[in-house]
Amino acid sequence: MIRAVIVTNDQGKPRLVKFYDYQPVEKQQEIIRNIYGGMFQFPLRLFAYNRFSFSYDYVSDLFVIM
């Protein structure tokens, strides 16, 4: 189940954010910061954040996170 779609540039600035479950704005910002920080700690294209798995791809200077 897709819970959010996040597109960021390579500096971590969100360009498109869509959460399909309600999250307060503060929680959304925290999730985005933690995910972006976690992407560069692991060489794999699939990693776990809390109890969710994320896949991402680097496309034309943007990260697409699902």
N, C-alpha and C. Protein backbone atom coordinates (compact mmCIF):
# COMPACT_ATOMS: atom_id res chain seq x y z
N MET A 1 0.84 -1.17 0.00
CA MET A 1 0.00 0.00 0.00
C MET A 1 0.89 1.24 0.00
N ILE A 2 0.63 2.15 -0.89
CA ILE A 2 1.39 3.39 -0.96
C ILE A 2 0.79 4.37 0.04
N ARG A 3 1.61 4.84 0.97
CA ARG A 3 1.14 5.78 1.99
C ARG A 3 1.50 7.22 1.67
N ALA A 4 2.54 7.41 0.83
CA ALA A 4 2.93 8.77 0.46
C ALA A 4 3.79 8.71 -0.79
N VAL A 5 3.76 9.81 -1.53
CA VAL A 5 4.65 10.01 -2.67
C VAL A 5 5.38 11.32 -2.41
N ILE A 6 6.70 11.26 -2.43
CA ILE A 6 7.51 12.44 -2.15
C ILE A 6 8.54 12.58 -3.26
N VAL A 7 8.60 13.76 -3.86
CA VAL A 7 9.61 14.06 -4.87
C VAL A 7 10.44 15.21 -4.31
N THR A 8 11.75 15.00 -4.18
CA THR A 8 12.65 16.04 -3.68
C THR A 8 13.76 16.28 -4.69
N ASN A 9 14.39 17.45 -4.60
CA ASN A 9 15.58 17.66 -5.41
C ASN A 9 16.76 17.03 -4.70
N ASP A 10 17.95 17.13 -5.30
CA ASP A 10 19.10 16.45 -4.71
C ASP A 10 19.63 17.13 -3.45
N GLN A 11 19.07 18.26 -3.06
CA GLN A 11 19.44 18.90 -1.79
C GLN A 11 18.41 18.64 -0.70
N GLY A 12 17.38 17.86 -1.00
CA GLY A 12 16.38 17.49 -0.01
C GLY A 12 15.18 18.40 0.07
N LYS A 13 15.06 19.38 -0.82
CA LYS A 13 13.90 20.28 -0.80
C LYS A 13 12.73 19.58 -1.48
N PRO A 14 11.61 19.41 -0.77
CA PRO A 14 10.45 18.74 -1.37
C PRO A 14 9.88 19.53 -2.54
N ARG A 15 9.63 18.83 -3.64
CA ARG A 15 9.01 19.44 -4.82
C ARG A 15 7.56 19.00 -4.97
N LEU A 16 7.26 17.79 -4.53
CA LEU A 16 5.89 17.28 -4.56
C LEU A 16 5.74 16.34 -3.37
N VAL A 17 4.74 16.57 -2.55
CA VAL A 17 4.49 15.72 -1.38
C VAL A 17 3.00 15.41 -1.35
N LYS A 18 2.68 14.12 -1.29
CA LYS A 18 1.29 13.69 -1.19
C LYS A 18 1.22 12.55 -0.18
N PHE A 19 0.58 12.80 0.96
CA PHE A 19 0.35 11.76 1.96
C PHE A 19 -1.07 11.26 1.80
N TYR A 20 -1.24 9.95 1.74
CA TYR A 20 -2.57 9.36 1.59
C TYR A 20 -3.21 9.03 2.93
N ASP A 21 -2.44 9.07 4.00
CA ASP A 21 -2.95 8.97 5.37
C ASP A 21 -2.75 10.33 6.01
N TYR A 22 -3.71 10.76 6.83
CA TYR A 22 -3.57 12.08 7.46
C TYR A 22 -2.36 12.10 8.38
N GLN A 23 -1.55 13.12 8.22
CA GLN A 23 -0.42 13.39 9.10
C GLN A 23 -0.40 14.89 9.35
N PRO A 24 -0.20 15.34 10.60
CA PRO A 24 -0.05 16.77 10.83
C PRO A 24 1.18 17.30 10.09
N VAL A 25 1.18 18.58 9.80
CA VAL A 25 2.27 19.18 9.01
C VAL A 25 3.63 18.95 9.67
N GLU A 26 3.70 19.08 11.00
CA GLU A 26 4.97 18.87 11.70
C GLU A 26 5.47 17.44 11.50
N LYS A 27 4.56 16.49 11.56
CA LYS A 27 4.92 15.08 11.37
C LYS A 27 5.37 14.83 9.93
N GLN A 28 4.71 15.45 8.96
CA GLN A 28 5.11 15.31 7.56
C GLN A 28 6.54 15.82 7.36
N GLN A 29 6.85 16.97 7.95
CA GLN A 29 8.20 17.53 7.81
C GLN A 29 9.23 16.63 8.46
N GLU A 30 8.90 16.07 9.61
CA GLU A 30 9.82 15.16 10.29
C GLU A 30 10.06 13.90 9.45
N ILE A 31 9.00 13.35 8.87
CA ILE A 31 9.13 12.16 8.03
C ILE A 31 10.01 12.46 6.83
N ILE A 32 9.81 13.59 6.17
CA ILE A 32 10.61 13.94 4.99
C ILE A 32 12.08 14.09 5.37
N ARG A 33 12.37 14.77 6.49
CA ARG A 33 13.76 14.94 6.93
C ARG A 33 14.41 13.59 7.21
N ASN A 34 13.70 12.72 7.92
CA ASN A 34 14.26 11.42 8.29
C ASN A 34 14.48 10.53 7.06
N ILE A 35 13.55 10.55 6.13
CA ILE A 35 13.70 9.73 4.93
C ILE A 35 14.87 10.23 4.09
N TYR A 36 14.94 11.53 3.87
CA TYR A 36 16.02 12.08 3.05
C TYR A 36 17.38 11.79 3.69
N GLY A 37 17.47 11.95 5.01
CA GLY A 37 18.72 11.65 5.71
C GLY A 37 19.07 10.17 5.64
N GLY A 38 18.07 9.30 5.69
CA GLY A 38 18.31 7.87 5.65
C GLY A 38 18.73 7.35 4.29
N MET A 39 18.33 8.05 3.23
CA MET A 39 18.66 7.57 1.88
C MET A 39 20.16 7.56 1.64
N PHE A 40 20.89 8.45 2.27
CA PHE A 40 22.32 8.54 2.02
C PHE A 40 23.14 7.74 3.01
N GLN A 41 22.49 7.06 3.94
CA GLN A 41 23.19 6.19 4.87
C GLN A 41 23.29 4.76 4.36
N PHE A 42 22.50 4.42 3.37
CA PHE A 42 22.44 3.06 2.87
C PHE A 42 22.72 3.03 1.38
N PRO A 43 23.53 2.09 0.92
CA PRO A 43 23.80 2.01 -0.52
C PRO A 43 22.66 1.36 -1.30
N LEU A 44 21.73 0.75 -0.61
CA LEU A 44 20.65 0.05 -1.30
C LEU A 44 19.57 1.01 -1.75
N ARG A 45 18.81 0.62 -2.74
CA ARG A 45 17.72 1.45 -3.23
C ARG A 45 16.42 1.18 -2.48
N LEU A 46 16.46 0.27 -1.55
CA LEU A 46 15.27 -0.04 -0.75
C LEU A 46 15.70 -0.10 0.71
N PHE A 47 15.06 0.68 1.56
CA PHE A 47 15.42 0.66 2.96
C PHE A 47 14.16 0.83 3.79
N ALA A 48 14.26 0.57 5.08
CA ALA A 48 13.10 0.64 5.96
C ALA A 48 13.18 1.88 6.84
N TYR A 49 12.06 2.55 7.01
CA TYR A 49 11.94 3.68 7.93
C TYR A 49 10.78 3.35 8.84
N ASN A 50 11.06 3.28 10.13
CA ASN A 50 10.07 2.80 11.10
C ASN A 50 9.59 1.42 10.66
N ARG A 51 8.32 1.26 10.39
CA ARG A 51 7.83 -0.06 9.98
C ARG A 51 7.47 -0.10 8.50
N PHE A 52 7.87 0.90 7.74
CA PHE A 52 7.54 0.98 6.33
C PHE A 52 8.79 0.80 5.48
N SER A 53 8.63 0.25 4.32
CA SER A 53 9.72 0.16 3.35
C SER A 53 9.52 1.22 2.29
N PHE A 54 10.62 1.76 1.80
CA PHE A 54 10.56 2.79 0.78
C PHE A 54 11.44 2.38 -0.38
N SER A 55 11.01 2.69 -1.56
CA SER A 55 11.89 2.55 -2.71
C SER A 55 12.02 3.93 -3.32
N TYR A 56 13.19 4.21 -3.88
CA TYR A 56 13.38 5.51 -4.48
C TYR A 56 14.26 5.38 -5.71
N ASP A 57 14.21 6.39 -6.54
CA ASP A 57 15.02 6.42 -7.75
C ASP A 57 15.45 7.85 -7.99
N TYR A 58 16.62 8.02 -8.56
CA TYR A 58 17.17 9.33 -8.87
C TYR A 58 16.91 9.59 -10.34
N VAL A 59 16.03 10.55 -10.63
CA VAL A 59 15.62 10.83 -12.00
C VAL A 59 15.80 12.32 -12.27
N SER A 60 16.69 12.67 -13.17
CA SER A 60 16.84 14.06 -13.62
C SER A 60 16.94 15.04 -12.46
N ASP A 61 17.90 14.81 -11.57
CA ASP A 61 18.14 15.67 -10.40
C ASP A 61 17.01 15.68 -9.39
N LEU A 62 16.11 14.72 -9.44
CA LEU A 62 15.03 14.60 -8.47
C LEU A 62 15.02 13.19 -7.89
N PHE A 63 14.67 13.07 -6.62
CA PHE A 63 14.47 11.77 -6.00
C PHE A 63 12.97 11.51 -5.94
N VAL A 64 12.54 10.38 -6.46
CA VAL A 64 11.14 9.98 -6.39
C VAL A 64 11.04 8.89 -5.34
N ILE A 65 10.32 9.17 -4.26
CA ILE A 65 10.25 8.26 -3.11
C ILE A 65 8.82 7.76 -2.98
N MET A 66 8.66 6.45 -2.91
CA MET A 66 7.33 5.86 -2.74
C MET A 66 7.38 4.86 -1.61
